[in-house]
Amino acid sequence: AQHQPGKTVPPPAPPKPAPQSPQPKAPVQYSRPTVKRAPVLITPRTFHLPSVIHHKDQSVMVRVPAGSYWIPSQPVSPFVVGENTRMERKHMNEFFIDRAEITVAQYRQFQPEYDETRYTGGEACPQCPVMAVNWFEAQRYCQWAGKRLPTENEWETAARGDSGHRFPWGDQPLAGYGNILGDRDGFVDAAPPGSFPRGASPFGALDMIGNVWEWVSTQVVLSPLTESTEGLTGDSRHLVKGGSWRSPDHMATISYRNLVDPQMKNPTFGFRCAKSANLETDIQ
C-alpha cells in the first residue's frame, strides 16, 4: 500500500490486563471490650505520718491520736438502717487502724484456698480487697494477725477526723474520690486499695468511702419484745460501713449504718483491722 500524505496511523492499543480473581478477605476479629485495672496511685497525701508497719501481715497502720471527736449519738432506734446524723463530742482513746482494706494477698496468708476470681470475672487480682467474707471470717483474720475489728466509733473517727463531715473530704460527694456506683473510675467492680488517694481521710486512711463495705465489731442485739425477727438469721445484726462500688452517694457516707446478718457473704463486703495503742504488744 502506498503512503498517503497527511494521514497518521494511531499506535496500537495496549493490551487489557487479564482479569484477576478476587482475593479472599481476612476474617474479622472480634474481641470483648475489657476494662483494665488502673494502677494504684500513691501520692504524698497518701502518707500521713506517723504510721507503722504491722509485721504479721505487712499492713501499714495509721495512728489516730486520743482526743475529742464528733461521734454518732445513739440513733432513735438501733435497728434503723440509714445515715445517723445525730452526733456529739466524745473522747476517743488512741488507736491504730489499717491504712487500707485487707487485700487478697494478705488474706491468702491466713486462708490459702481463698479464690478471688469468682468475684473478679475470672481475673486474678491479689492486690484487690478481699471480698465476700462474713463477719466471723473477718474477725478471725484480725485475731490471727494480732489485731481486731474496729468499733463503729473508731471507724468513723478514722474516716472523719476532727470534723463533722459526711465524707472524709467534706460534705459533698466528689467524682474520683471513691469507688462508688456511677463513678467513671475505670473499674467494673472493686479497685485495688489506694486507687483513690484524693479521698484519703485526715489521718491517711484510704478507701473509707466506697470500694467494699467494711465490717466493724459493733453489733445490734435483736430484741424479740420490740422488734420482729421474722426473716432474720440469728439473734443479732452487725454493721458494715462506708458503702461499696455498688452504693449510691447517699449510702456511701461516714455515718450510714448498714445492718446485716453476720453470716452473710457478699462480694461487696470486706474489712480492715485496728489495734488499741495502750498495750506495748499492740504494734509489733
C-alpha atoms as a PDB file:
ATOM      1  CA  ALA A   1       0.000   0.000   0.000  1.00  0.00           C
ATOM      2  CA  GLN A   2       1.187   3.467  -0.778  1.00  0.00           C
ATOM      3  CA  HIS A   3       1.666   6.027   1.995  1.00  0.00           C
ATOM      4  CA  GLN A   4      -0.886   8.811   1.850  1.00  0.00           C
ATOM      5  CA  PRO A   5       0.483  12.143   2.968  1.00  0.00           C
ATOM      6  CA  GLY A   6      -1.319  13.883   5.847  1.00  0.00           C
ATOM      7  CA  LYS A   7      -2.737  10.695   7.316  1.00  0.00           C
ATOM      8  CA  THR A   8      -1.308   9.216  10.543  1.00  0.00           C
ATOM      9  CA  VAL A   9      -1.701   5.735  11.796  1.00  0.00           C
ATOM     10  CA  PRO A  10      -2.675   5.511  15.527  1.00  0.00           C
ATOM     11  CA  PRO A  11      -0.445   3.391  17.731  1.00  0.00           C
ATOM     12  CA  PRO A  12      -1.788   0.013  18.674  1.00  0.00           C
ATOM     13  CA  ALA A  13      -3.888  -0.026  21.862  1.00  0.00           C
ATOM     14  CA  PRO A  14      -2.149  -1.518  24.902  1.00  0.00           C
ATOM     15  CA  PRO A  15      -3.345  -4.980  25.800  1.00  0.00           C
ATOM     16  CA  LYS A  16      -6.029  -5.140  28.503  1.00  0.00           C
ATOM     17  CA  PRO A  17      -4.864  -6.706  31.747  1.00  0.00           C
ATOM     18  CA  ALA A  18      -6.191 -10.141  32.387  1.00  0.00           C
ATOM     19  CA  PRO A  19      -8.981 -10.192  34.974  1.00  0.00           C
ATOM     20  CA  GLN A  20      -7.745 -11.161  38.425  1.00  0.00           C
ATOM     21  CA  SER A  21      -9.613 -13.450  40.724  1.00  0.00           C
ATOM     22  CA  PRO A  22     -10.770 -11.714  43.933  1.00  0.00           C
ATOM     23  CA  GLN A  23      -8.510 -12.189  46.937  1.00  0.00           C
ATOM     24  CA  PRO A  24     -10.144 -13.809  49.983  1.00  0.00           C
ATOM     25  CA  LYS A  25     -10.841 -11.330  52.798  1.00  0.00           C
ATOM     26  CA  ALA A  26      -9.137 -11.782  56.106  1.00  0.00           C
ATOM     27  CA  PRO A  27     -11.524 -12.996  58.796  1.00  0.00           C
ATOM     28  CA  VAL A  28     -12.924 -10.254  61.034  1.00  0.00           C
ATOM     29  CA  GLN A  29     -11.541 -10.425  64.548  1.00  0.00           C
ATOM     30  CA  TYR A  30     -13.986  -9.779  67.360  1.00  0.00           C
ATOM     31  CA  SER A  31     -12.891  -9.087  70.900  1.00  0.00           C
ATOM     32  CA  ARG A  32     -14.737  -8.271  74.093  1.00  0.00           C
ATOM     33  CA  PRO A  33     -14.079  -4.803  75.455  1.00  0.00           C
ATOM     34  CA  THR A  34     -12.246  -5.010  78.716  1.00  0.00           C
ATOM     35  CA  VAL A  35     -11.682  -2.524  81.490  1.00  0.00           C
ATOM     36  CA  LYS A  36      -8.103  -2.602  82.637  1.00  0.00           C
ATOM     37  CA  ARG A  37      -7.421  -2.157  86.292  1.00  0.00           C
ATOM     38  CA  ALA A  38      -5.826   1.197  86.845  1.00  0.00           C
ATOM     39  CA  PRO A  39      -2.512   1.280  88.685  1.00  0.00           C
ATOM     40  CA  VAL A  40      -2.546   2.044  92.369  1.00  0.00           C
ATOM     41  CA  LEU A  41      -1.929   5.746  92.707  1.00  0.00           C
ATOM     42  CA  ILE A  42       0.307   6.769  95.577  1.00  0.00           C
ATOM     43  CA  THR A  43       0.856  10.457  96.225  1.00  0.00           C
ATOM     44  CA  PRO A  44       2.482  12.361  99.096  1.00  0.00           C
ATOM     45  CA  ARG A  45      -1.001  12.920 100.554  1.00  0.00           C
ATOM     46  CA  THR A  46      -1.377   9.166 100.886  1.00  0.00           C
ATOM     47  CA  PHE A  47       1.143   9.084 103.729  1.00  0.00           C
ATOM     48  CA  HIS A  48       0.032  10.814 106.911  1.00  0.00           C
ATOM     49  CA  LEU A  49       2.736  10.195 109.464  1.00  0.00           C
ATOM     50  CA  PRO A  50       3.106   8.701 111.923  1.00  0.00           C
ATOM     51  CA  SER A  51       2.302   5.270 110.575  1.00  0.00           C
ATOM     52  CA  VAL A  52       3.654   1.843 111.442  1.00  0.00           C
ATOM     53  CA  ILE A  53       4.180  -1.487 109.726  1.00  0.00           C
ATOM     54  CA  HIS A  54       2.356  -4.392 111.330  1.00  0.00           C
ATOM     55  CA  HIS A  55       4.770  -7.226 110.669  1.00  0.00           C
ATOM     56  CA  LYS A  56       2.374 -10.193 110.855  1.00  0.00           C
ATOM     57  CA  ASP A  57       0.541  -9.249 107.642  1.00  0.00           C
ATOM     58  CA  GLN A  58       2.767  -6.361 106.459  1.00  0.00           C
ATOM     59  CA  SER A  59      -0.084  -3.866 106.696  1.00  0.00           C
ATOM     60  CA  VAL A  60       0.559  -0.162 107.153  1.00  0.00           C
ATOM     61  CA  MET A  61      -1.408   1.211 110.098  1.00  0.00           C
ATOM     62  CA  VAL A  62      -2.132   4.890 110.667  1.00  0.00           C
ATOM     63  CA  ARG A  63      -2.289   6.447 114.104  1.00  0.00           C
ATOM     64  CA  VAL A  64      -5.410   8.149 115.414  1.00  0.00           C
ATOM     65  CA  PRO A  65      -4.407  10.165 118.498  1.00  0.00           C
ATOM     66  CA  ALA A  66      -6.517  10.365 121.630  1.00  0.00           C
ATOM     67  CA  GLY A  67      -8.836  13.345 121.767  1.00  0.00           C
ATOM     68  CA  SER A  68     -12.351  14.701 121.470  1.00  0.00           C
ATOM     69  CA  TYR A  69     -14.098  13.814 118.210  1.00  0.00           C
ATOM     70  CA  TRP A  70     -17.524  14.044 116.638  1.00  0.00           C
ATOM     71  CA  ILE A  71     -19.057  10.628 117.254  1.00  0.00           C
ATOM     72  CA  PRO A  72     -22.531   9.393 116.288  1.00  0.00           C
ATOM     73  CA  SER A  73     -25.017   9.543 119.121  1.00  0.00           C
ATOM     74  CA  GLN A  74     -27.261   6.600 119.842  1.00  0.00           C
ATOM     75  CA  PRO A  75     -29.794   6.561 116.981  1.00  0.00           C
ATOM     76  CA  VAL A  76     -33.505   6.880 117.721  1.00  0.00           C
ATOM     77  CA  SER A  77     -33.710   3.144 117.073  1.00  0.00           C
ATOM     78  CA  PRO A  78     -30.588   0.978 116.867  1.00  0.00           C
ATOM     79  CA  PHE A  79     -32.360  -1.084 114.206  1.00  0.00           C
ATOM     80  CA  VAL A  80     -32.707   1.776 111.737  1.00  0.00           C
ATOM     81  CA  VAL A  81     -30.705   1.387 108.534  1.00  0.00           C
ATOM     82  CA  GLY A  82     -29.547   4.701 107.094  1.00  0.00           C
ATOM     83  CA  GLU A  83     -27.478   7.776 107.830  1.00  0.00           C
ATOM     84  CA  ASN A  84     -27.275   8.642 111.508  1.00  0.00           C
ATOM     85  CA  THR A  85     -26.935  12.432 111.668  1.00  0.00           C
ATOM     86  CA  ARG A  86     -27.190  12.628 115.481  1.00  0.00           C
ATOM     87  CA  MET A  87     -23.666  13.466 116.648  1.00  0.00           C
ATOM     88  CA  GLU A  88     -21.916  14.551 119.821  1.00  0.00           C
ATOM     89  CA  ARG A  89     -18.363  15.170 121.020  1.00  0.00           C
ATOM     90  CA  LYS A  90     -16.814  12.188 122.745  1.00  0.00           C
ATOM     91  CA  HIS A  91     -13.346  11.294 123.963  1.00  0.00           C
ATOM     92  CA  MET A  92     -11.580   8.586 121.988  1.00  0.00           C
ATOM     93  CA  ASN A  93      -8.512   6.720 123.175  1.00  0.00           C
ATOM     94  CA  GLU A  94      -5.547   6.462 120.843  1.00  0.00           C
ATOM     95  CA  PHE A  95      -5.653   3.590 118.376  1.00  0.00           C
ATOM     96  CA  PHE A  96      -4.200   2.399 115.088  1.00  0.00           C
ATOM     97  CA  ILE A  97      -6.165   1.333 112.023  1.00  0.00           C
ATOM     98  CA  ASP A  98      -5.091  -0.276 108.770  1.00  0.00           C
ATOM     99  CA  ARG A  99      -4.418   2.382 106.171  1.00  0.00           C
ATOM    100  CA  ALA A 100      -6.094   0.228 103.514  1.00  0.00           C
ATOM    101  CA  GLU A 101      -8.560  -2.604 103.257  1.00  0.00           C
ATOM    102  CA  ILE A 102      -7.150  -6.108 103.668  1.00  0.00           C
ATOM    103  CA  THR A 103      -6.099  -7.410 100.269  1.00  0.00           C
ATOM    104  CA  VAL A 104      -6.492 -10.822  98.679  1.00  0.00           C
ATOM    105  CA  ALA A 105      -2.738 -11.421  99.019  1.00  0.00           C
ATOM    106  CA  GLN A 106      -2.839 -10.649 102.742  1.00  0.00           C
ATOM    107  CA  TYR A 107      -5.944 -12.751 103.366  1.00  0.00           C
ATOM    108  CA  ARG A 108      -4.448 -15.684 101.484  1.00  0.00           C
ATOM    109  CA  GLN A 109      -1.671 -15.864 104.103  1.00  0.00           C
ATOM    110  CA  PHE A 110      -4.441 -16.729 106.553  1.00  0.00           C
ATOM    111  CA  GLN A 111      -6.705 -18.695 104.169  1.00  0.00           C
ATOM    112  CA  PRO A 112      -4.559 -20.106 101.327  1.00  0.00           C
ATOM    113  CA  GLU A 113      -7.512 -21.603  99.431  1.00  0.00           C
ATOM    114  CA  TYR A 114      -9.325 -18.265  99.086  1.00  0.00           C
ATOM    115  CA  ASP A 115     -10.188 -17.661  95.403  1.00  0.00           C
ATOM    116  CA  GLU A 116     -10.981 -14.117  94.318  1.00  0.00           C
ATOM    117  CA  THR A 117     -11.561 -14.938  90.641  1.00  0.00           C
ATOM    118  CA  ARG A 118     -15.217 -15.785  91.253  1.00  0.00           C
ATOM    119  CA  TYR A 119     -15.725 -12.124  92.198  1.00  0.00           C
ATOM    120  CA  THR A 120     -13.476 -10.516  89.564  1.00  0.00           C
ATOM    121  CA  GLY A 121     -14.850 -12.087  86.403  1.00  0.00           C
ATOM    122  CA  GLY A 122     -12.179 -14.770  86.372  1.00  0.00           C
ATOM    123  CA  GLU A 123      -9.275 -12.330  86.671  1.00  0.00           C
ATOM    124  CA  ALA A 124      -6.589 -12.952  89.265  1.00  0.00           C
ATOM    125  CA  CYS A 125      -6.219  -9.849  91.418  1.00  0.00           C
ATOM    126  CA  PRO A 126      -4.075 -10.386  94.526  1.00  0.00           C
ATOM    127  CA  GLN A 127      -3.914  -6.606  95.034  1.00  0.00           C
ATOM    128  CA  CYS A 128      -7.724  -6.298  95.204  1.00  0.00           C
ATOM    129  CA  PRO A 129      -9.533  -6.091  98.537  1.00  0.00           C
ATOM    130  CA  VAL A 130     -10.664  -9.426  99.897  1.00  0.00           C
ATOM    131  CA  MET A 131     -14.371  -9.838  99.132  1.00  0.00           C
ATOM    132  CA  ALA A 132     -17.302 -11.992 100.251  1.00  0.00           C
ATOM    133  CA  VAL A 133     -16.048 -12.714 103.755  1.00  0.00           C
ATOM    134  CA  ASN A 134     -18.524 -12.755 106.612  1.00  0.00           C
ATOM    135  CA  TRP A 135     -18.132 -11.074 109.994  1.00  0.00           C
ATOM    136  CA  PHE A 136     -16.704 -14.164 111.684  1.00  0.00           C
ATOM    137  CA  GLU A 137     -14.066 -14.671 108.994  1.00  0.00           C
ATOM    138  CA  ALA A 138     -13.049 -11.015 109.172  1.00  0.00           C
ATOM    139  CA  GLN A 139     -12.810 -11.235 112.949  1.00  0.00           C
ATOM    140  CA  ARG A 140     -10.721 -14.425 112.784  1.00  0.00           C
ATOM    141  CA  TYR A 141      -8.288 -12.854 110.325  1.00  0.00           C
ATOM    142  CA  CYS A 142      -7.778  -9.824 112.555  1.00  0.00           C
ATOM    143  CA  GLN A 143      -7.209 -12.083 115.567  1.00  0.00           C
ATOM    144  CA  TRP A 144      -4.749 -14.205 113.570  1.00  0.00           C
ATOM    145  CA  ALA A 145      -2.869 -11.034 112.643  1.00  0.00           C
ATOM    146  CA  GLY A 146      -2.783  -9.872 116.266  1.00  0.00           C
ATOM    147  CA  LYS A 147      -5.348  -7.145 115.681  1.00  0.00           C
ATOM    148  CA  ARG A 148      -9.131  -6.771 115.905  1.00  0.00           C
ATOM    149  CA  LEU A 149     -12.039  -5.270 114.012  1.00  0.00           C
ATOM    150  CA  PRO A 150     -12.544  -1.550 114.714  1.00  0.00           C
ATOM    151  CA  THR A 151     -15.604  -0.375 116.583  1.00  0.00           C
ATOM    152  CA  GLU A 152     -18.118   1.791 114.756  1.00  0.00           C
ATOM    153  CA  ASN A 153     -16.887   4.850 116.674  1.00  0.00           C
ATOM    154  CA  GLU A 154     -13.257   4.112 115.827  1.00  0.00           C
ATOM    155  CA  TRP A 155     -14.096   3.559 112.178  1.00  0.00           C
ATOM    156  CA  GLU A 156     -15.969   6.870 111.933  1.00  0.00           C
ATOM    157  CA  THR A 157     -13.215   8.750 113.766  1.00  0.00           C
ATOM    158  CA  ALA A 158     -10.564   7.368 111.413  1.00  0.00           C
ATOM    159  CA  ALA A 159     -12.705   8.365 108.429  1.00  0.00           C
ATOM    160  CA  ARG A 160     -13.844  11.810 109.598  1.00  0.00           C
ATOM    161  CA  GLY A 161     -11.050  13.180 111.724  1.00  0.00           C
ATOM    162  CA  ASP A 162     -11.837  16.215 113.847  1.00  0.00           C
ATOM    163  CA  SER A 163     -14.816  17.339 111.794  1.00  0.00           C
ATOM    164  CA  GLY A 164     -18.500  16.628 111.399  1.00  0.00           C
ATOM    165  CA  HIS A 165     -18.316  15.993 107.656  1.00  0.00           C
ATOM    166  CA  ARG A 166     -20.330  13.376 105.786  1.00  0.00           C
ATOM    167  CA  PHE A 167     -17.264  12.338 103.768  1.00  0.00           C
ATOM    168  CA  PRO A 168     -13.542  12.299 104.620  1.00  0.00           C
ATOM    169  CA  TRP A 169     -13.031  15.361 102.381  1.00  0.00           C
ATOM    170  CA  GLY A 170     -16.176  17.407 103.114  1.00  0.00           C
ATOM    171  CA  ASP A 171     -19.949  17.336 102.858  1.00  0.00           C
ATOM    172  CA  GLN A 172     -20.415  16.773  99.114  1.00  0.00           C
ATOM    173  CA  PRO A 173     -19.652  13.654  97.061  1.00  0.00           C
ATOM    174  CA  LEU A 174     -16.855  14.237  94.551  1.00  0.00           C
ATOM    175  CA  ALA A 175     -16.089  12.189  91.441  1.00  0.00           C
ATOM    176  CA  GLY A 176     -12.780  10.369  91.626  1.00  0.00           C
ATOM    177  CA  TYR A 177     -12.615  10.450  95.430  1.00  0.00           C
ATOM    178  CA  GLY A 178     -14.033   6.973  95.979  1.00  0.00           C
ATOM    179  CA  ASN A 179     -15.104   3.849  94.142  1.00  0.00           C
ATOM    180  CA  ILE A 180     -18.896   4.138  94.310  1.00  0.00           C
ATOM    181  CA  LEU A 181     -21.818   3.491  91.973  1.00  0.00           C
ATOM    182  CA  GLY A 182     -21.834   5.524  88.770  1.00  0.00           C
ATOM    183  CA  ASP A 183     -18.376   6.997  89.224  1.00  0.00           C
ATOM    184  CA  ARG A 184     -16.407   6.874  85.974  1.00  0.00           C
ATOM    185  CA  ASP A 185     -13.321   5.486  87.646  1.00  0.00           C
ATOM    186  CA  GLY A 186     -12.176   2.798  85.208  1.00  0.00           C
ATOM    187  CA  PHE A 187     -13.215  -0.106  87.419  1.00  0.00           C
ATOM    188  CA  VAL A 188     -16.040  -2.534  86.792  1.00  0.00           C
ATOM    189  CA  ASP A 189     -16.078  -3.663  90.414  1.00  0.00           C
ATOM    190  CA  ALA A 190     -13.693  -3.392  93.369  1.00  0.00           C
ATOM    191  CA  ALA A 191     -10.457  -1.455  92.886  1.00  0.00           C
ATOM    192  CA  PRO A 192      -7.039  -2.198  94.396  1.00  0.00           C
ATOM    193  CA  PRO A 193      -6.844  -0.320  97.719  1.00  0.00           C
ATOM    194  CA  GLY A 194      -5.105   3.012  97.301  1.00  0.00           C
ATOM    195  CA  SER A 195      -6.525   3.769  93.849  1.00  0.00           C
ATOM    196  CA  PHE A 196      -8.297   6.910  95.122  1.00  0.00           C
ATOM    197  CA  PRO A 197      -5.718   8.824  97.192  1.00  0.00           C
ATOM    198  CA  ARG A 198      -7.653  12.101  96.912  1.00  0.00           C
ATOM    199  CA  GLY A 199     -10.321  10.556  99.114  1.00  0.00           C
ATOM    200  CA  ALA A 200      -7.911   9.813 101.978  1.00  0.00           C
ATOM    201  CA  SER A 201      -9.115  10.666 105.461  1.00  0.00           C
ATOM    202  CA  PRO A 202      -7.409  13.353 107.587  1.00  0.00           C
ATOM    203  CA  PHE A 203      -5.395  10.545 109.216  1.00  0.00           C
ATOM    204  CA  GLY A 204      -4.425   8.972 105.902  1.00  0.00           C
ATOM    205  CA  ALA A 205      -6.849   6.038 105.864  1.00  0.00           C
ATOM    206  CA  LEU A 206      -7.702   5.123 102.264  1.00  0.00           C
ATOM    207  CA  ASP A 207     -10.973   3.993 100.682  1.00  0.00           C
ATOM    208  CA  MET A 208     -13.067   4.639 103.767  1.00  0.00           C
ATOM    209  CA  ILE A 209     -15.796   5.568 101.301  1.00  0.00           C
ATOM    210  CA  GLY A 210     -16.695   3.091  98.576  1.00  0.00           C
ATOM    211  CA  ASN A 211     -14.856   0.077  97.156  1.00  0.00           C
ATOM    212  CA  VAL A 212     -16.143  -2.507  99.674  1.00  0.00           C
ATOM    213  CA  TRP A 213     -18.361  -2.271 102.735  1.00  0.00           C
ATOM    214  CA  GLU A 214     -16.245  -2.797 105.849  1.00  0.00           C
ATOM    215  CA  TRP A 215     -17.194  -4.921 108.829  1.00  0.00           C
ATOM    216  CA  VAL A 216     -16.870  -3.333 112.275  1.00  0.00           C
ATOM    217  CA  SER A 217     -17.099  -5.072 115.633  1.00  0.00           C
ATOM    218  CA  THR A 218     -20.267  -3.239 116.693  1.00  0.00           C
ATOM    219  CA  GLN A 219     -23.350  -5.418 116.782  1.00  0.00           C
ATOM    220  CA  VAL A 220     -27.023  -4.785 117.407  1.00  0.00           C
ATOM    221  CA  VAL A 221     -28.838  -7.368 119.515  1.00  0.00           C
ATOM    222  CA  LEU A 222     -32.325  -8.030 118.247  1.00  0.00           C
ATOM    223  CA  SER A 223     -34.931  -7.870 120.986  1.00  0.00           C
ATOM    224  CA  PRO A 224     -37.961 -10.055 120.274  1.00  0.00           C
ATOM    225  CA  LEU A 225     -40.001  -7.895 122.664  1.00  0.00           C
ATOM    226  CA  THR A 226     -39.718  -4.785 120.498  1.00  0.00           C
ATOM    227  CA  GLU A 227     -38.534  -5.913 117.076  1.00  0.00           C
ATOM    228  CA  SER A 228     -39.693  -8.665 114.749  1.00  0.00           C
ATOM    229  CA  THR A 229     -37.009 -11.176 113.852  1.00  0.00           C
ATOM    230  CA  GLU A 230     -39.020 -12.756 111.052  1.00  0.00           C
ATOM    231  CA  GLY A 231     -36.761 -13.482 108.133  1.00  0.00           C
ATOM    232  CA  LEU A 232     -33.535 -12.795 110.071  1.00  0.00           C
ATOM    233  CA  THR A 233     -30.841 -15.333 110.842  1.00  0.00           C
ATOM    234  CA  GLY A 234     -29.560 -15.450 114.383  1.00  0.00           C
ATOM    235  CA  ASP A 235     -30.285 -13.049 117.221  1.00  0.00           C
ATOM    236  CA  SER A 236     -28.082 -10.122 116.227  1.00  0.00           C
ATOM    237  CA  ARG A 237     -27.072  -7.985 113.327  1.00  0.00           C
ATOM    238  CA  HIS A 238     -23.663  -6.483 112.619  1.00  0.00           C
ATOM    239  CA  LEU A 239     -22.667  -3.269 110.921  1.00  0.00           C
ATOM    240  CA  VAL A 240     -20.842  -2.711 107.673  1.00  0.00           C
ATOM    241  CA  LYS A 241     -19.663   0.826 106.971  1.00  0.00           C
ATOM    242  CA  GLY A 242     -18.579   3.099 104.138  1.00  0.00           C
ATOM    243  CA  GLY A 243     -20.504   1.811 101.129  1.00  0.00           C
ATOM    244  CA  SER A 244     -19.113  -0.064  98.154  1.00  0.00           C
ATOM    245  CA  TRP A 245     -18.633   0.148  94.401  1.00  0.00           C
ATOM    246  CA  ARG A 246     -22.356  -0.632  94.109  1.00  0.00           C
ATOM    247  CA  SER A 247     -23.503   2.066  96.548  1.00  0.00           C
ATOM    248  CA  PRO A 248     -25.104   5.384  95.540  1.00  0.00           C
ATOM    249  CA  ASP A 249     -23.954   8.629  97.159  1.00  0.00           C
ATOM    250  CA  HIS A 250     -26.498   8.636  99.979  1.00  0.00           C
ATOM    251  CA  MET A 251     -25.354   5.206 101.189  1.00  0.00           C
ATOM    252  CA  ALA A 252     -21.624   5.876 100.851  1.00  0.00           C
ATOM    253  CA  THR A 253     -21.279   8.307 103.752  1.00  0.00           C
ATOM    254  CA  ILE A 254     -19.354   8.024 107.001  1.00  0.00           C
ATOM    255  CA  SER A 255     -22.442   7.861 109.229  1.00  0.00           C
ATOM    256  CA  TYR A 256     -24.501   5.442 107.140  1.00  0.00           C
ATOM    257  CA  ARG A 257     -25.365   2.328 109.168  1.00  0.00           C
ATOM    258  CA  ASN A 258     -25.997  -0.884 107.248  1.00  0.00           C
ATOM    259  CA  LEU A 259     -27.188  -3.726 109.479  1.00  0.00           C
ATOM    260  CA  VAL A 260     -26.651  -7.187 108.028  1.00  0.00           C
ATOM    261  CA  ASP A 261     -26.578 -10.817 109.068  1.00  0.00           C
ATOM    262  CA  PRO A 262     -23.055 -11.603 110.367  1.00  0.00           C
ATOM    263  CA  GLN A 263     -23.109 -14.858 108.375  1.00  0.00           C
ATOM    264  CA  MET A 264     -23.688 -13.019 105.086  1.00  0.00           C
ATOM    265  CA  LYS A 265     -21.042 -13.327 102.377  1.00  0.00           C
ATOM    266  CA  ASN A 266     -21.451 -10.611  99.784  1.00  0.00           C
ATOM    267  CA  PRO A 267     -18.964  -9.665  97.028  1.00  0.00           C
ATOM    268  CA  THR A 268     -19.212  -6.066  98.230  1.00  0.00           C
ATOM    269  CA  PHE A 269     -18.150  -6.900 101.825  1.00  0.00           C
ATOM    270  CA  GLY A 270     -14.544  -6.541 103.007  1.00  0.00           C
ATOM    271  CA  PHE A 271     -12.778  -5.189 106.084  1.00  0.00           C
ATOM    272  CA  ARG A 272      -9.725  -3.631 107.702  1.00  0.00           C
ATOM    273  CA  CYS A 273      -8.323  -4.172 111.191  1.00  0.00           C
ATOM    274  CA  ALA A 274      -7.476  -1.945 114.143  1.00  0.00           C
ATOM    275  CA  LYS A 275      -5.402  -2.075 117.332  1.00  0.00           C
ATOM    276  CA  SER A 276      -5.545  -0.267 120.624  1.00  0.00           C
ATOM    277  CA  ALA A 277      -2.470   1.790 121.455  1.00  0.00           C
ATOM    278  CA  ASN A 278      -2.423   1.223 125.209  1.00  0.00           C
ATOM    279  CA  LEU A 279      -0.519  -2.058 125.100  1.00  0.00           C
ATOM    280  CA  GLU A 280       3.143  -2.448 124.239  1.00  0.00           C
ATOM    281  CA  THR A 281       2.334  -5.612 122.310  1.00  0.00           C
ATOM    282  CA  ASP A 282      -0.281  -3.956 120.112  1.00  0.00           C
ATOM    283  CA  ILE A 283       2.075  -2.867 117.336  1.00  0.00           C
ATOM    284  CA  GLN A 284       4.877  -5.305 116.631  1.00  0.00           C
END
